[in-house]
Amino acid sequence: MSDASVREATGHDWAHWLAVLDARGARDMDHAAIVRSLEADGIRPWWRQMLTVGYERMIGRRAMGQTCAGTFSANASRTIPGTMDTARQAWAALNAERAEYAGAVATGEPRCTDSANWRYWRVDLDDGSKVSVMFSDKPGGKATVAVNHDKLASAEAIAIAKAFWKPLLQAL
């Protein structure tokens, strides 16, 4: 996240937040405690998470794409014509015969669930990773398809996952 974006959203740049969090002893806090410490600054919840992750990266506690649990996540998305329902149908059809995803094998059938604003397609993989694809409506008769491949074992696995998911999204 750029200095300009952080400044626009929080009123201060990364250097400010690094100094503030260091002064609070954040190097000795866990992720949740750092997030809670930013609440007193009036920072919105999403930005508290963003600042905490950025801080953890700056102090060497977390690599790019690494979660606070130590695993890694890869994300990719695409906007396509149609509704979230037609997007999920197209995704399910594209993956109907697939058992392998980014070098790992599905441990069961994909699961589909719905909420008022989202549709989901999920599958668990034999390497312990999990894939969740979210579908949502956008204005103008479009839908967003967003893939999250979580619990990856390494930073190198992020590149492998992205190389797998991006062409699959383009095939929609």
Foldseek 3Di string as FASTA:
>chain_A
DAQVVLCVQQVGGLVVLLVVCVVVVVVPPALVVQLVVCVVSVHDNVSSNVSSVVNCVVVPNDDVQADSVGFGKAKDKDKDAAFLVVVVVVLCVLCVPPQDALHWGFPDAWDWDDDPFWIWTKTATPVRKIKIWIWGDDPPRMIMIMIMIIRHHDPVSNVSRCVRVPVSNVVD
